[in-house]
N, C-alpha and C. Protein backbone atom coordinates (compact mmCIF):
# COMPACT_ATOMS: atom_id res chain seq x y z
N MET A 1 -29.87 7.74 16.38
CA MET A 1 -29.49 7.05 15.24
C MET A 1 -28.43 7.77 14.79
N ALA A 2 -27.99 9.06 14.58
CA ALA A 2 -27.46 9.97 14.22
C ALA A 2 -25.99 9.78 14.74
N SER A 3 -26.10 9.51 16.51
CA SER A 3 -24.86 9.26 17.25
C SER A 3 -24.23 8.06 16.21
N ASN A 4 -24.75 6.62 16.01
CA ASN A 4 -24.34 5.27 15.64
C ASN A 4 -23.23 5.84 14.49
N VAL A 5 -23.64 6.79 13.17
CA VAL A 5 -23.26 7.14 12.38
C VAL A 5 -22.20 7.49 12.53
N GLU A 6 -21.92 8.90 13.60
CA GLU A 6 -20.93 9.51 13.60
C GLU A 6 -19.66 8.25 14.55
N MET A 7 -20.01 7.35 15.32
CA MET A 7 -19.06 6.53 16.01
C MET A 7 -18.73 5.71 14.94
N LYS A 8 -19.48 4.95 13.60
CA LYS A 8 -18.77 4.53 12.99
C LYS A 8 -17.66 5.37 12.06
N ASP A 9 -18.14 6.40 11.95
CA ASP A 9 -17.24 7.03 10.83
C ASP A 9 -15.77 7.46 11.92
N LYS A 10 -15.94 7.49 12.80
CA LYS A 10 -14.61 7.91 13.74
C LYS A 10 -13.59 6.25 13.77
N SER A 11 -14.11 5.15 13.94
CA SER A 11 -13.68 4.02 13.50
C SER A 11 -12.91 3.74 12.57
N ARG A 12 -13.84 4.68 11.71
CA ARG A 12 -13.08 4.28 10.23
C ARG A 12 -12.22 5.24 10.04
N ALA A 13 -12.18 6.30 10.35
CA ALA A 13 -11.03 7.34 10.55
C ALA A 13 -9.28 6.98 10.94
N THR A 14 -9.68 6.25 12.14
CA THR A 14 -8.62 5.60 12.67
C THR A 14 -8.01 4.23 11.88
N ASP A 15 -8.66 3.64 11.17
CA ASP A 15 -8.22 2.57 10.17
C ASP A 15 -7.76 3.34 8.69
N ARG A 16 -7.72 4.43 8.62
CA ARG A 16 -7.32 5.13 7.39
C ARG A 16 -5.59 5.33 7.37
N GLY A 17 -5.54 5.19 8.70
CA GLY A 17 -4.00 5.84 8.67
C GLY A 17 -2.59 4.51 8.31
N LEU A 18 -1.89 4.69 8.84
CA LEU A 18 -0.83 3.49 8.39
C LEU A 18 -1.05 2.21 8.98
N ILE A 19 -1.46 2.07 10.21
CA ILE A 19 -2.26 1.01 11.11
C ILE A 19 -2.82 0.48 10.21
N GLY A 20 -4.12 0.98 9.63
CA GLY A 20 -5.06 0.29 8.73
C GLY A 20 -4.94 -0.22 7.42
N PHE A 21 -3.56 1.06 6.57
CA PHE A 21 -3.24 0.24 5.84
C PHE A 21 -2.79 -1.05 5.91
N PHE A 22 -1.85 -1.32 7.09
CA PHE A 22 -1.12 -3.08 7.50
C PHE A 22 -2.46 -3.76 7.63
N LYS A 23 -3.31 -3.58 8.35
CA LYS A 23 -4.55 -4.35 8.53
C LYS A 23 -5.25 -5.35 6.99
N GLY A 24 -5.40 -3.67 6.31
CA GLY A 24 -5.86 -4.27 4.83
C GLY A 24 -5.00 -5.02 4.10
N LEU A 25 -3.89 -4.79 4.12
CA LEU A 25 -2.76 -5.81 3.61
C LEU A 25 -2.82 -7.13 4.29
N LYS A 26 -2.80 -7.30 5.43
CA LYS A 26 -3.03 -8.54 5.97
C LYS A 26 -3.75 -9.22 5.60
N ALA A 27 -5.18 -8.57 5.67
CA ALA A 27 -6.54 -9.27 4.92
C ALA A 27 -6.62 -9.66 3.26
N GLU A 28 -5.83 -8.90 2.49
CA GLU A 28 -5.89 -9.25 1.44
C GLU A 28 -4.58 -10.39 1.01
N PHE A 29 -3.79 -10.45 1.89
CA PHE A 29 -2.84 -12.02 1.39
C PHE A 29 -3.43 -12.94 1.96
N LYS A 30 -4.43 -13.06 2.84
CA LYS A 30 -5.03 -14.19 3.23
C LYS A 30 -5.89 -14.31 1.96
N ARG A 31 -6.29 -13.61 1.09
CA ARG A 31 -7.30 -14.09 0.24
C ARG A 31 -6.74 -14.33 -0.94
N PHE A 32 -5.06 -14.59 -0.99
CA PHE A 32 -4.58 -14.79 -2.30
C PHE A 32 -4.64 -16.38 -2.36
N THR A 33 -4.98 -16.79 -3.57
CA THR A 33 -4.78 -18.06 -4.60
C THR A 33 -3.67 -18.42 -5.19
N TRP A 34 -2.62 -18.92 -4.74
CA TRP A 34 -1.47 -19.22 -5.69
C TRP A 34 -1.59 -20.45 -6.78
N PRO A 35 -0.96 -20.11 -8.17
CA PRO A 35 -1.03 -21.11 -8.91
C PRO A 35 -0.04 -22.56 -8.65
N THR A 36 -0.54 -23.63 -9.09
CA THR A 36 0.13 -24.68 -8.57
C THR A 36 1.79 -24.67 -9.51
N LYS A 37 2.22 -25.51 -9.33
CA LYS A 37 3.77 -26.02 -9.90
C LYS A 37 3.75 -25.98 -11.23
N GLU A 38 2.61 -26.94 -11.92
CA GLU A 38 2.26 -27.27 -13.06
C GLU A 38 1.62 -26.28 -14.12
N ASP A 39 0.77 -25.16 -13.22
CA ASP A 39 0.37 -24.01 -13.92
C ASP A 39 1.43 -22.88 -14.15
N VAL A 40 2.37 -22.96 -13.16
CA VAL A 40 3.17 -21.87 -13.62
C VAL A 40 4.27 -22.03 -14.81
N LYS A 41 4.19 -23.75 -14.63
CA LYS A 41 5.46 -24.08 -16.13
C LYS A 41 4.61 -23.79 -17.12
N LYS A 42 3.57 -23.92 -17.23
CA LYS A 42 2.88 -23.97 -18.49
C LYS A 42 2.49 -22.53 -18.76
N SER A 43 2.57 -21.84 -17.78
CA SER A 43 2.40 -20.18 -18.16
C SER A 43 3.73 -19.72 -18.63
N THR A 44 4.80 -20.13 -17.66
CA THR A 44 5.95 -19.84 -18.64
C THR A 44 6.27 -20.26 -19.57
N ILE A 45 5.90 -21.63 -20.44
CA ILE A 45 6.64 -22.08 -21.60
C ILE A 45 5.15 -21.50 -22.30
N ALA A 46 4.36 -20.73 -22.34
CA ALA A 46 3.45 -20.12 -23.32
C ALA A 46 3.92 -18.53 -23.33
N VAL A 47 4.63 -18.04 -22.26
CA VAL A 47 5.14 -16.87 -22.69
C VAL A 47 6.34 -16.79 -23.41
N LEU A 48 7.31 -18.02 -22.95
CA LEU A 48 8.39 -18.31 -23.71
C LEU A 48 8.42 -18.09 -25.30
N VAL A 49 7.26 -19.04 -25.43
CA VAL A 49 7.03 -19.62 -26.89
C VAL A 49 6.45 -18.24 -28.10
N PHE A 50 5.54 -17.45 -27.04
CA PHE A 50 5.03 -16.29 -27.59
C PHE A 50 6.02 -14.97 -27.84
N CYS A 51 7.02 -15.29 -26.83
CA CYS A 51 8.24 -14.13 -27.23
C CYS A 51 8.92 -14.72 -28.37
N ALA A 52 9.51 -16.24 -28.71
CA ALA A 52 10.53 -16.36 -29.62
C ALA A 52 9.63 -16.16 -31.01
N ILE A 53 8.06 -16.46 -31.09
CA ILE A 53 7.40 -16.11 -32.18
C ILE A 53 7.41 -14.66 -32.41
N PHE A 54 7.41 -13.82 -31.43
CA PHE A 54 7.25 -12.46 -31.58
C PHE A 54 8.61 -12.00 -32.37
N VAL A 55 9.54 -12.31 -31.47
CA VAL A 55 11.18 -12.50 -32.09
C VAL A 55 11.22 -12.61 -33.55
N ALA A 56 10.95 -13.94 -33.69
CA ALA A 56 11.40 -14.12 -34.97
C ALA A 56 10.19 -13.18 -36.28
N ILE A 57 9.27 -12.61 -35.92
CA ILE A 57 8.37 -12.29 -37.04
C ILE A 57 9.01 -10.73 -37.03
N THR A 58 9.55 -10.23 -35.96
CA THR A 58 9.80 -8.76 -35.76
C THR A 58 10.96 -9.12 -36.40
N GLY A 59 12.15 -9.77 -36.26
CA GLY A 59 12.93 -9.65 -37.27
C GLY A 59 13.36 -10.06 -38.36
N LEU A 60 11.93 -10.88 -39.23
CA LEU A 60 11.66 -11.12 -40.26
C LEU A 60 11.48 -9.67 -41.20
N MET A 61 10.37 -9.01 -40.26
CA MET A 61 10.04 -7.75 -40.97
C MET A 61 11.05 -6.64 -41.03
N ASP A 62 11.85 -6.75 -40.07
CA ASP A 62 13.06 -5.83 -39.92
C ASP A 62 13.80 -6.29 -41.32
N LYS A 63 14.11 -7.13 -41.61
CA LYS A 63 14.80 -7.84 -42.37
C LYS A 63 14.17 -7.24 -43.87
N GLY A 64 12.79 -7.58 -44.06
CA GLY A 64 12.08 -7.08 -45.11
C GLY A 64 12.12 -5.82 -45.34
N PHE A 65 12.10 -4.94 -44.33
CA PHE A 65 12.00 -3.18 -44.45
C PHE A 65 13.15 -2.88 -44.87
N ALA A 66 14.25 -3.50 -44.51
CA ALA A 66 15.49 -3.11 -44.74
C ALA A 66 15.96 -3.03 -45.99
N SER A 67 15.48 -4.56 -46.70
CA SER A 67 15.74 -4.47 -48.01
C SER A 67 14.75 -3.68 -49.08
N LEU A 68 13.82 -3.74 -48.45
CA LEU A 68 12.77 -2.73 -49.04
C LEU A 68 13.33 -1.42 -49.46
N PHE A 69 13.73 -1.21 -48.21
CA PHE A 69 14.28 0.53 -48.39
C PHE A 69 15.67 0.51 -49.13
N ASN A 70 16.60 -0.51 -49.03
CA ASN A 70 17.78 -0.51 -50.06
C ASN A 70 17.31 -0.61 -51.31
N TRP A 71 16.43 -1.74 -51.70
CA TRP A 71 16.03 -1.50 -53.01
C TRP A 71 15.19 -0.07 -53.62
N VAL A 72 14.51 0.61 -52.69
CA VAL A 72 14.04 1.82 -53.32
C VAL A 72 15.02 3.30 -53.29
N PHE A 73 15.62 2.86 -52.32
CA PHE A 73 16.28 4.57 -52.28
C PHE A 73 17.71 4.16 -52.63
N LEU A 74 18.78 2.93 -52.78
CA LEU A 74 19.86 3.02 -52.83
C LEU A 74 20.19 2.43 -54.14
N ASN A 75 19.24 1.79 -55.09
CA ASN A 75 19.13 1.15 -55.81
C ASN A 75 19.23 2.33 -57.15
N LYS A 76 20.85 2.25 -57.79
CA LYS A 76 20.82 3.14 -58.55
C LYS A 76 21.11 2.99 -60.36
């Protein structure tokens, strides 16, 4: 029984090198499920809308803080 364990360890040791890496990489590529074209479009639109909203909010906050700074420190 101990010899069985030793043989399994030796086979795993050879799979740990560069060849083993590429074997594992090939196995993982077979497991990929790519999104449909429609899903990619929907996700892209969602990201662009979020970015536009984020830019608008950040710009308004920047403008507001700049005005507040000018009113507090530069108002004589």
